[in-house]
C-alpha atoms as a PDB file:
ATOM      1  CA  MET A   1      17.654 -46.177  17.295  1.00  0.00           C
ATOM      2  CA  THR A   2      18.942 -43.047  19.007  1.00  0.00           C
ATOM      3  CA  SER A   3      21.012 -42.998  22.120  1.00  0.00           C
ATOM      4  CA  HIS A   4      19.810 -41.730  25.452  1.00  0.00           C
ATOM      5  CA  VAL A   5      22.057 -38.680  25.165  1.00  0.00           C
ATOM      6  CA  GLU A   6      20.684 -37.828  21.717  1.00  0.00           C
ATOM      7  CA  GLN A   7      17.151 -38.110  23.084  1.00  0.00           C
ATOM      8  CA  GLN A   8      17.990 -35.738  25.928  1.00  0.00           C
ATOM      9  CA  VAL A   9      19.577 -33.239  23.537  1.00  0.00           C
ATOM     10  CA  ALA A  10      16.541 -33.413  21.249  1.00  0.00           C
ATOM     11  CA  ALA A  11      14.244 -32.874  24.237  1.00  0.00           C
ATOM     12  CA  ARG A  12      16.261 -29.834  25.355  1.00  0.00           C
ATOM     13  CA  ILE A  13      16.178 -28.366  21.862  1.00  0.00           C
ATOM     14  CA  ALA A  14      12.429 -28.883  21.624  1.00  0.00           C
ATOM     15  CA  ALA A  15      11.915 -27.270  25.040  1.00  0.00           C
ATOM     16  CA  ALA A  16      14.090 -24.291  24.068  1.00  0.00           C
ATOM     17  CA  LYS A  17      12.165 -23.801  20.827  1.00  0.00           C
ATOM     18  CA  ALA A  18       8.844 -23.966  22.671  1.00  0.00           C
ATOM     19  CA  LYS A  19      10.064 -21.445  25.240  1.00  0.00           C
ATOM     20  CA  GLN A  20      11.312 -19.131  22.490  1.00  0.00           C
ATOM     21  CA  ALA A  21       7.979 -19.344  20.660  1.00  0.00           C
ATOM     22  CA  GLU A  22       6.133 -18.542  23.892  1.00  0.00           C
ATOM     23  CA  ARG A  23       8.353 -15.499  24.531  1.00  0.00           C
ATOM     24  CA  GLN A  24       7.824 -14.317  20.967  1.00  0.00           C
ATOM     25  CA  GLN A  25       4.052 -14.625  21.411  1.00  0.00           C
ATOM     26  CA  GLN A  26       4.237 -12.683  24.680  1.00  0.00           C
ATOM     27  CA  ARG A  27       6.299  -9.916  23.045  1.00  0.00           C
ATOM     28  CA  ALA A  28       3.796  -9.643  20.212  1.00  0.00           C
ATOM     29  CA  GLU A  29       0.887  -9.426  22.662  1.00  0.00           C
ATOM     30  CA  PHE A  30       2.736  -6.842  24.769  1.00  0.00           C
ATOM     31  CA  GLY A  31       3.438  -4.762  21.679  1.00  0.00           C
ATOM     32  CA  ARG A  32      -0.188  -4.905  20.620  1.00  0.00           C
ATOM     33  CA  ARG A  33      -1.388  -3.851  24.057  1.00  0.00           C
ATOM     34  CA  ARG A  34       1.209  -1.078  24.175  1.00  0.00           C
ATOM     35  CA  ARG A  35       0.044   0.350  20.852  1.00  0.00           C
ATOM     36  CA  ILE A  36      -3.578   0.282  22.022  1.00  0.00           C
ATOM     37  CA  GLY A  37      -2.625   2.010  25.279  1.00  0.00           C
ATOM     38  CA  LEU A  38      -0.607   4.695  23.521  1.00  0.00           C
ATOM     39  CA  ARG A  39      -3.478   5.418  21.155  1.00  0.00           C
ATOM     40  CA  ALA A  40      -5.866   5.706  24.078  1.00  0.00           C
ATOM     41  CA  ARG A  41      -3.516   8.051  25.947  1.00  0.00           C
ATOM     42  CA  HIS A  42      -3.079  10.227  22.878  1.00  0.00           C
ATOM     43  CA  ALA A  43      -6.838  10.397  22.280  1.00  0.00           C
ATOM     44  CA  ALA A  44      -7.425  11.325  25.931  1.00  0.00           C
ATOM     45  CA  LYS A  45      -4.804  14.065  25.692  1.00  0.00           C
ATOM     46  CA  LEU A  46      -6.422  15.485  22.581  1.00  0.00           C
ATOM     47  CA  ARG A  47      -9.829  15.442  24.306  1.00  0.00           C
ATOM     48  CA  ARG A  48      -8.378  17.286  27.298  1.00  0.00           C
ATOM     49  CA  LEU A  49      -6.726  19.891  25.092  1.00  0.00           C
ATOM     50  CA  SER A  50      -9.895  20.365  23.095  1.00  0.00           C
ATOM     51  CA  ALA A  51     -11.990  20.742  26.244  1.00  0.00           C
ATOM     52  CA  ALA A  52      -9.542  23.317  27.572  1.00  0.00           C
ATOM     53  CA  GLY A  53      -9.781  25.296  24.349  1.00  0.00           C
ATOM     54  CA  LYS A  54      -6.178  24.598  23.446  1.00  0.00           C
ATOM     55  CA  GLY A  55      -6.873  22.510  20.388  1.00  0.00           C
ATOM     56  CA  VAL A  56      -4.085  21.776  17.973  1.00  0.00           C
ATOM     57  CA  GLN A  57      -4.056  24.387  15.231  1.00  0.00           C
ATOM     58  CA  PRO A  58      -2.229  23.975  11.909  1.00  0.00           C
END
């Protein structure tokens, strides 16, 4: 049988781990959305440059 204090400590640890996992999931989702947004911005820029006749030339 565990003491009341040990139960509280275990509950705090579990809550901290859950919060950390949630933050990690949010960071991963933010990173994914950021990459998608950057790709879209880059593609739009290339379309604008191409339409203006200033395409990228090697």
